[in-house]
């Protein structure tokens, strides 16, 4: 298996609400989406999808306990100020701020927002990583 990730799908209890939230962040669904069923977003080299939580659990052969699934998504930005800007945008779109932007023990700056379905997103500036012009991250 190649060391790469192709698709991240988040389960949602209300696809319309989730779509409105991500649109408020400036994300536009790809034309291959099926309105009311599944939404796809091209996010650089990875596809991000929103789908019914119930259908996703069944398709993934897991039992949905309804709680946090042990996964946090991350969005890296170029400056600490941009962390705060993204957190404010997410709050205006309906997110709950789980952790305000602040300096980290690893020398960066980050905060967390929780989307309307309870999925946490860390927004981080990591001065040790390179954020390329296309938004991809390099660990070198």
C-alpha atoms as a PDB file:
ATOM      1  CA  UNK A   1       0.000   0.000   0.000  1.00  0.00           C
ATOM      2  CA  UNK A   2       1.337   3.440  -0.937  1.00  0.00           C
ATOM      3  CA  UNK A   3       1.846   5.890   1.939  1.00  0.00           C
ATOM      4  CA  UNK A   4      -0.892   8.399   1.101  1.00  0.00           C
ATOM      5  CA  UNK A   5      -4.449   9.319   1.967  1.00  0.00           C
ATOM      6  CA  UNK A   6      -7.034   9.711  -0.794  1.00  0.00           C
ATOM      7  CA  UNK A   7     -10.369  10.458   0.876  1.00  0.00           C
ATOM      8  CA  UNK A   8     -11.700  11.621   4.244  1.00  0.00           C
ATOM      9  CA  UNK A   9     -15.451  11.205   4.791  1.00  0.00           C
ATOM     10  CA  UNK A  10     -17.234  12.741   7.758  1.00  0.00           C
ATOM     11  CA  UNK A  11     -20.547  11.333   8.885  1.00  0.00           C
ATOM     12  CA  UNK A  12     -23.270  13.911   9.439  1.00  0.00           C
ATOM     13  CA  UNK A  13     -26.668  13.804  11.088  1.00  0.00           C
ATOM     14  CA  UNK A  14     -27.987  16.574   8.816  1.00  0.00           C
ATOM     15  CA  UNK A  15     -26.396  16.878   5.382  1.00  0.00           C
ATOM     16  CA  UNK A  16     -28.122  20.195   4.612  1.00  0.00           C
ATOM     17  CA  UNK A  17     -26.835  21.763   7.840  1.00  0.00           C
ATOM     18  CA  UNK A  18     -23.330  20.405   7.196  1.00  0.00           C
ATOM     19  CA  UNK A  19     -23.354  21.731   3.640  1.00  0.00           C
ATOM     20  CA  UNK A  20     -24.439  25.181   4.829  1.00  0.00           C
ATOM     21  CA  UNK A  21     -21.642  25.191   7.427  1.00  0.00           C
ATOM     22  CA  UNK A  22     -18.875  24.255   4.984  1.00  0.00           C
ATOM     23  CA  UNK A  23     -20.219  26.667   2.356  1.00  0.00           C
ATOM     24  CA  UNK A  24     -20.051  29.406   5.019  1.00  0.00           C
ATOM     25  CA  UNK A  25     -16.354  28.554   5.357  1.00  0.00           C
ATOM     26  CA  UNK A  26     -16.016  29.162   1.612  1.00  0.00           C
ATOM     27  CA  UNK A  27     -15.935  25.507   0.522  1.00  0.00           C
ATOM     28  CA  UNK A  28     -17.818  24.607  -2.654  1.00  0.00           C
ATOM     29  CA  UNK A  29     -19.029  21.062  -3.385  1.00  0.00           C
ATOM     30  CA  UNK A  30     -17.625  19.387  -6.489  1.00  0.00           C
ATOM     31  CA  UNK A  31     -20.084  18.923  -9.391  1.00  0.00           C
ATOM     32  CA  UNK A  32     -19.830  15.131  -8.946  1.00  0.00           C
ATOM     33  CA  UNK A  33     -21.655  15.480  -5.594  1.00  0.00           C
ATOM     34  CA  UNK A  34     -25.164  14.067  -5.312  1.00  0.00           C
ATOM     35  CA  UNK A  35     -27.229  16.826  -3.646  1.00  0.00           C
ATOM     36  CA  UNK A  36     -29.094  15.534  -0.605  1.00  0.00           C
ATOM     37  CA  UNK A  37     -27.030  12.311  -0.568  1.00  0.00           C
ATOM     38  CA  UNK A  38     -23.264  12.919  -0.545  1.00  0.00           C
ATOM     39  CA  UNK A  39     -21.059  15.952  -1.028  1.00  0.00           C
ATOM     40  CA  UNK A  40     -17.497  15.887  -2.357  1.00  0.00           C
ATOM     41  CA  UNK A  41     -14.956  18.703  -1.999  1.00  0.00           C
ATOM     42  CA  UNK A  42     -11.601  18.743  -3.821  1.00  0.00           C
ATOM     43  CA  UNK A  43      -9.077  19.732  -1.142  1.00  0.00           C
ATOM     44  CA  UNK A  44      -5.728  19.634  -2.843  1.00  0.00           C
ATOM     45  CA  UNK A  45      -4.590  16.039  -3.269  1.00  0.00           C
ATOM     46  CA  UNK A  46      -7.312  14.688  -0.939  1.00  0.00           C
ATOM     47  CA  UNK A  47     -11.064  14.475  -1.474  1.00  0.00           C
ATOM     48  CA  UNK A  48     -13.189  15.483   1.529  1.00  0.00           C
ATOM     49  CA  UNK A  49     -16.745  14.131   1.683  1.00  0.00           C
ATOM     50  CA  UNK A  50     -19.866  14.589   3.807  1.00  0.00           C
ATOM     51  CA  UNK A  51     -22.309  11.666   4.006  1.00  0.00           C
ATOM     52  CA  UNK A  52     -25.034  10.351   6.274  1.00  0.00           C
ATOM     53  CA  UNK A  53     -23.494   9.190   9.563  1.00  0.00           C
ATOM     54  CA  UNK A  54     -25.795   6.141   9.581  1.00  0.00           C
ATOM     55  CA  UNK A  55     -24.896   5.147   6.026  1.00  0.00           C
ATOM     56  CA  UNK A  56     -21.194   5.766   6.631  1.00  0.00           C
ATOM     57  CA  UNK A  57     -21.207   3.510   9.712  1.00  0.00           C
ATOM     58  CA  UNK A  58     -22.975   0.731   7.824  1.00  0.00           C
ATOM     59  CA  UNK A  59     -20.655   1.059   4.819  1.00  0.00           C
ATOM     60  CA  UNK A  60     -17.603   1.075   7.113  1.00  0.00           C
ATOM     61  CA  UNK A  61     -18.784  -2.046   8.997  1.00  0.00           C
ATOM     62  CA  UNK A  62     -18.749  -0.308  12.400  1.00  0.00           C
ATOM     63  CA  UNK A  63     -21.263   0.364  15.149  1.00  0.00           C
ATOM     64  CA  UNK A  64     -21.834   4.074  15.655  1.00  0.00           C
ATOM     65  CA  UNK A  65     -21.631   4.801  19.365  1.00  0.00           C
ATOM     66  CA  UNK A  66     -22.552   8.417  18.681  1.00  0.00           C
ATOM     67  CA  UNK A  67     -19.472   9.866  20.354  1.00  0.00           C
ATOM     68  CA  UNK A  68     -16.193  11.228  19.195  1.00  0.00           C
ATOM     69  CA  UNK A  69     -14.450   8.727  16.943  1.00  0.00           C
ATOM     70  CA  UNK A  70     -10.871   9.387  18.008  1.00  0.00           C
ATOM     71  CA  UNK A  71     -10.091  11.527  14.941  1.00  0.00           C
ATOM     72  CA  UNK A  72      -9.274  15.232  14.712  1.00  0.00           C
ATOM     73  CA  UNK A  73      -8.836  16.942  11.349  1.00  0.00           C
ATOM     74  CA  UNK A  74      -6.271  19.699  10.898  1.00  0.00           C
ATOM     75  CA  UNK A  75      -5.966  22.763   8.701  1.00  0.00           C
ATOM     76  CA  UNK A  76      -2.519  24.350   8.625  1.00  0.00           C
ATOM     77  CA  UNK A  77      -2.120  28.052   7.872  1.00  0.00           C
ATOM     78  CA  UNK A  78       0.789  30.381   7.206  1.00  0.00           C
ATOM     79  CA  UNK A  79       0.679  32.686  10.262  1.00  0.00           C
ATOM     80  CA  UNK A  80      -0.641  32.779  13.826  1.00  0.00           C
ATOM     81  CA  UNK A  81      -2.989  35.630  12.829  1.00  0.00           C
ATOM     82  CA  UNK A  82      -4.494  33.360  10.172  1.00  0.00           C
ATOM     83  CA  UNK A  83      -5.279  30.783  12.901  1.00  0.00           C
ATOM     84  CA  UNK A  84      -7.404  33.382  14.669  1.00  0.00           C
ATOM     85  CA  UNK A  85      -9.030  34.483  11.399  1.00  0.00           C
ATOM     86  CA  UNK A  86     -10.061  30.916  10.503  1.00  0.00           C
ATOM     87  CA  UNK A  87     -11.391  30.263  14.012  1.00  0.00           C
ATOM     88  CA  UNK A  88     -13.484  33.462  13.814  1.00  0.00           C
ATOM     89  CA  UNK A  89     -14.808  32.460  10.386  1.00  0.00           C
ATOM     90  CA  UNK A  90     -15.742  29.014  11.704  1.00  0.00           C
ATOM     91  CA  UNK A  91     -17.526  30.556  14.702  1.00  0.00           C
ATOM     92  CA  UNK A  92     -19.528  32.852  12.394  1.00  0.00           C
ATOM     93  CA  UNK A  93     -20.454  29.772  10.324  1.00  0.00           C
ATOM     94  CA  UNK A  94     -21.837  28.016  13.412  1.00  0.00           C
ATOM     95  CA  UNK A  95     -18.854  26.151  14.880  1.00  0.00           C
ATOM     96  CA  UNK A  96     -18.165  25.949  18.594  1.00  0.00           C
ATOM     97  CA  UNK A  97     -14.656  27.057  19.516  1.00  0.00           C
ATOM     98  CA  UNK A  98     -13.165  24.255  21.588  1.00  0.00           C
ATOM     99  CA  UNK A  99      -9.829  25.955  22.164  1.00  0.00           C
ATOM    100  CA  UNK A 100      -8.963  29.538  21.255  1.00  0.00           C
ATOM    101  CA  UNK A 101      -5.774  30.206  19.326  1.00  0.00           C
ATOM    102  CA  UNK A 102      -2.715  30.178  21.571  1.00  0.00           C
ATOM    103  CA  UNK A 103       1.003  29.433  21.572  1.00  0.00           C
ATOM    104  CA  UNK A 104       1.792  25.706  21.775  1.00  0.00           C
ATOM    105  CA  UNK A 105       4.467  23.717  23.595  1.00  0.00           C
ATOM    106  CA  UNK A 106       5.890  22.650  20.227  1.00  0.00           C
ATOM    107  CA  UNK A 107       6.615  26.254  19.174  1.00  0.00           C
ATOM    108  CA  UNK A 108       3.589  26.873  17.010  1.00  0.00           C
ATOM    109  CA  UNK A 109       0.177  28.452  17.451  1.00  0.00           C
ATOM    110  CA  UNK A 110      -3.138  26.615  17.222  1.00  0.00           C
ATOM    111  CA  UNK A 111      -6.787  26.462  18.203  1.00  0.00           C
ATOM    112  CA  UNK A 112      -9.712  24.090  17.668  1.00  0.00           C
ATOM    113  CA  UNK A 113     -13.228  24.487  16.323  1.00  0.00           C
ATOM    114  CA  UNK A 114     -15.961  21.855  16.477  1.00  0.00           C
ATOM    115  CA  UNK A 115     -18.224  21.608  13.414  1.00  0.00           C
ATOM    116  CA  UNK A 116     -22.019  21.228  13.818  1.00  0.00           C
ATOM    117  CA  UNK A 117     -21.720  17.409  13.829  1.00  0.00           C
ATOM    118  CA  UNK A 118     -19.096  17.399  16.577  1.00  0.00           C
ATOM    119  CA  UNK A 119     -16.013  16.865  14.378  1.00  0.00           C
ATOM    120  CA  UNK A 120     -12.992  18.710  15.798  1.00  0.00           C
ATOM    121  CA  UNK A 121     -10.721  20.695  13.504  1.00  0.00           C
ATOM    122  CA  UNK A 122      -7.358  21.976  14.687  1.00  0.00           C
ATOM    123  CA  UNK A 123      -6.249  25.163  12.938  1.00  0.00           C
ATOM    124  CA  UNK A 124      -2.491  25.441  13.289  1.00  0.00           C
ATOM    125  CA  UNK A 125       0.561  27.426  12.323  1.00  0.00           C
ATOM    126  CA  UNK A 126       3.611  25.168  12.580  1.00  0.00           C
ATOM    127  CA  UNK A 127       6.809  27.105  11.881  1.00  0.00           C
ATOM    128  CA  UNK A 128       8.717  23.815  11.480  1.00  0.00           C
ATOM    129  CA  UNK A 129       6.642  22.670   8.512  1.00  0.00           C
ATOM    130  CA  UNK A 130       6.535  24.142   5.028  1.00  0.00           C
ATOM    131  CA  UNK A 131       3.096  25.139   3.773  1.00  0.00           C
ATOM    132  CA  UNK A 132       3.435  25.286   0.013  1.00  0.00           C
ATOM    133  CA  UNK A 133       1.597  27.778  -2.184  1.00  0.00           C
ATOM    134  CA  UNK A 134      -0.903  25.059  -3.209  1.00  0.00           C
ATOM    135  CA  UNK A 135      -1.748  24.399   0.469  1.00  0.00           C
ATOM    136  CA  UNK A 136       0.086  21.092   0.729  1.00  0.00           C
ATOM    137  CA  UNK A 137       2.260  20.498   3.783  1.00  0.00           C
ATOM    138  CA  UNK A 138       5.834  19.270   3.756  1.00  0.00           C
ATOM    139  CA  UNK A 139       7.467  17.867   6.878  1.00  0.00           C
ATOM    140  CA  UNK A 140      10.896  18.876   5.485  1.00  0.00           C
END
